[in-house]
Amino acid sequence: MKCVLTLYLTILLAAYASAQSTEDSVKAVVNNLFAAMKNADSVALKNVFSEWAVLQTISRTKEGATMIRTDNISQFASFVGKSNKGDADERISFGAVHIDGALASVWTPYEFYLKGTFSHCGVNSFQLVRINGVWKVQYLIDTRRKTDCK
């Protein structure tokens, strides 16, 4: 009986360690995106996205209507690459992380600082896909606001 219990606990611990390792690898991709932004590294930034990635932002017009803007990954990477190191500082915290096979969903509240000055806050919602064993951002949509931040 003791041997069965030991085997069961070993299997549970191995499954937990594997899940943590997978979650850590997903979080690493998200962290790499923001490190690339802060380091003004357009090559590293483009590397976190899949070749089919979609980048969108939800905001409001002056009249208060909801607006969704789609950005081009290459243009975003070019903009980041032209900025100075440290100019774009997005400070995130990890909320929910869900993983099922080759799909991961990550929720990250954030505050964004431009050249050391608070610019806006919101939430990022990531969808990542594991392609050939590597996690890539497939879809990123965020909210942006200047009020009701932490």
Protein backbone atom coordinates (compact mmCIF):
# COMPACT_ATOMS: atom_id res chain seq x y z
CA MET A 1 0.00 0.00 0.00
CA LYS A 2 2.83 2.38 0.87
CA CYS A 3 4.44 1.69 -2.51
CA VAL A 4 1.19 2.51 -4.36
CA LEU A 5 0.82 5.76 -2.41
CA THR A 6 4.42 6.72 -3.16
CA LEU A 7 3.89 5.99 -6.86
CA TYR A 8 0.67 8.04 -6.88
CA LEU A 9 2.37 11.01 -5.19
CA THR A 10 5.30 10.79 -7.59
CA ILE A 11 2.94 10.90 -10.59
CA LEU A 12 1.06 13.86 -9.11
CA LEU A 13 4.26 15.77 -8.42
CA ALA A 14 5.58 15.06 -11.92
CA ALA A 15 2.31 16.28 -13.47
CA TYR A 16 2.41 19.42 -11.31
CA ALA A 17 6.05 20.11 -12.24
CA SER A 18 5.27 19.64 -15.93
CA ALA A 19 2.29 22.00 -15.70
CA GLN A 20 4.40 24.61 -13.89
CA SER A 21 7.16 24.23 -16.49
CA THR A 22 4.66 24.75 -19.32
CA GLU A 23 3.12 27.76 -17.58
CA ASP A 24 6.59 29.21 -17.00
CA SER A 25 7.44 28.80 -20.70
CA VAL A 26 4.23 30.62 -21.67
CA LYS A 27 4.97 33.44 -19.21
CA ALA A 28 8.52 33.68 -20.56
CA VAL A 29 7.19 34.52 -24.05
CA VAL A 30 5.02 37.29 -22.61
CA ASN A 31 7.94 38.62 -20.56
CA ASN A 32 10.17 38.49 -23.66
CA LEU A 33 7.71 40.70 -25.53
CA PHE A 34 7.89 43.42 -22.88
CA ALA A 35 11.65 43.08 -22.48
CA ALA A 36 12.00 43.59 -26.25
CA MET A 37 9.82 46.71 -26.04
CA LYS A 38 11.87 48.12 -23.15
CA ASN A 39 15.13 47.29 -24.95
CA ALA A 40 13.91 48.77 -28.26
CA ASP A 41 14.69 45.41 -29.90
CA SER A 42 12.48 45.01 -32.96
CA VAL A 43 13.97 41.63 -33.91
CA ALA A 44 13.27 40.10 -30.49
CA LEU A 45 9.79 41.63 -30.51
CA LYS A 46 8.87 40.13 -33.89
CA ASN A 47 10.26 36.77 -32.74
CA VAL A 48 7.57 36.33 -30.05
CA PHE A 49 4.75 36.54 -32.62
CA SER A 50 3.61 33.87 -35.04
CA GLU A 51 3.71 34.76 -38.73
CA TRP A 52 -0.13 35.01 -38.68
CA ALA A 53 -0.43 37.07 -35.49
CA VAL A 54 -3.11 39.70 -34.91
CA LEU A 55 -2.52 42.77 -32.74
CA GLN A 56 -5.54 44.82 -31.65
CA THR A 57 -6.45 47.57 -29.18
CA ILE A 58 -9.82 48.44 -27.69
CA SER A 59 -10.27 52.12 -26.88
CA ARG A 60 -12.91 54.83 -26.92
CA THR A 61 -13.54 57.69 -29.27
CA LYS A 62 -13.93 61.23 -27.90
CA GLU A 63 -17.67 60.60 -28.04
CA GLY A 64 -17.31 57.49 -25.86
CA ALA A 65 -17.97 54.85 -28.52
CA THR A 66 -15.94 51.64 -28.38
CA MET A 67 -13.33 51.41 -31.10
CA ILE A 68 -11.13 48.46 -32.12
CA ARG A 69 -7.88 49.20 -33.95
CA THR A 70 -5.81 46.52 -35.67
CA ASP A 71 -2.07 47.15 -35.89
CA ASN A 72 0.53 45.58 -38.14
CA ILE A 73 3.16 43.57 -36.23
CA SER A 74 5.99 44.70 -38.52
CA GLN A 75 5.03 48.37 -38.15
CA PHE A 76 4.79 47.95 -34.37
CA ALA A 77 8.22 46.29 -34.29
CA SER A 78 9.65 49.08 -36.45
CA PHE A 79 8.22 51.71 -34.09
CA VAL A 80 9.73 49.89 -31.10
CA GLY A 81 13.09 49.58 -32.86
CA LYS A 82 13.20 53.33 -33.53
CA SER A 83 12.58 54.25 -29.91
CA ASN A 84 15.30 54.65 -27.31
CA LYS A 85 16.12 51.88 -24.89
CA GLY A 86 13.90 52.25 -21.83
CA ASP A 87 11.34 54.53 -23.51
CA ALA A 88 8.57 51.89 -23.66
CA ASP A 89 8.12 50.35 -20.21
CA GLU A 90 5.02 48.20 -19.83
CA ARG A 91 4.76 46.86 -16.29
CA ILE A 92 2.57 43.79 -16.12
CA SER A 93 1.29 41.38 -13.55
CA PHE A 94 0.09 37.91 -14.44
CA GLY A 95 -3.56 37.17 -13.88
CA ALA A 96 -5.07 33.99 -15.26
CA VAL A 97 -2.99 31.58 -17.31
CA HIS A 98 -4.84 28.70 -18.97
CA ILE A 99 -3.21 26.01 -21.09
CA ASP A 100 -4.75 23.19 -23.10
CA GLY A 101 -2.31 21.33 -25.32
CA ALA A 102 -0.96 23.78 -27.90
CA LEU A 103 -3.20 26.68 -26.83
CA ALA A 104 -2.52 29.10 -24.00
CA SER A 105 -4.51 32.10 -22.81
CA VAL A 106 -2.88 34.76 -20.62
CA TRP A 107 -4.42 37.80 -18.90
CA THR A 108 -2.04 40.57 -17.80
CA PRO A 109 -3.13 43.85 -16.20
CA TYR A 110 -0.56 46.56 -16.95
CA GLU A 111 0.61 50.12 -16.54
CA PHE A 112 2.50 51.71 -19.43
CA TYR A 113 5.20 54.33 -19.00
CA LEU A 114 6.63 56.30 -21.91
CA LYS A 115 10.03 57.85 -21.25
CA GLY A 116 9.48 57.37 -17.53
CA THR A 117 6.09 59.10 -17.44
CA PHE A 118 2.82 57.24 -16.85
CA SER A 119 0.87 57.06 -20.11
CA HIS A 120 -2.02 54.62 -19.63
CA CYS A 121 -3.13 51.33 -18.12
CA GLY A 122 -5.34 48.41 -19.06
CA VAL A 123 -5.31 44.68 -19.60
CA ASN A 124 -3.62 42.53 -22.23
CA SER A 125 -5.33 39.34 -23.38
CA PHE A 126 -2.94 36.94 -25.11
CA GLN A 127 -3.65 33.80 -27.10
CA LEU A 128 -0.50 31.77 -27.67
CA VAL A 129 -0.01 28.70 -29.84
CA ARG A 130 2.77 26.16 -29.53
CA ILE A 131 4.18 25.79 -33.05
CA ASN A 132 6.90 23.17 -33.57
CA GLY A 133 7.40 23.06 -29.81
CA VAL A 134 7.76 26.85 -29.43
CA TRP A 135 5.15 29.16 -27.90
CA LYS A 136 4.24 32.13 -30.13
CA VAL A 137 1.76 34.96 -29.62
CA GLN A 138 -1.06 34.45 -32.11
CA TYR A 139 -3.45 37.09 -30.84
CA LEU A 140 -2.99 40.07 -28.57
CA ILE A 141 -5.77 42.48 -27.73
CA ASP A 142 -5.57 45.12 -25.03
CA THR A 143 -7.58 47.83 -23.38
CA ARG A 144 -6.21 51.32 -22.79
CA ARG A 145 -7.35 53.99 -20.40
CA LYS A 146 -5.88 56.85 -18.38
CA THR A 147 -8.17 56.55 -15.36
CA ASP A 148 -9.19 53.84 -12.91
CA CYS A 149 -5.65 52.46 -12.77
CA LYS A 150 -4.23 50.85 -9.63
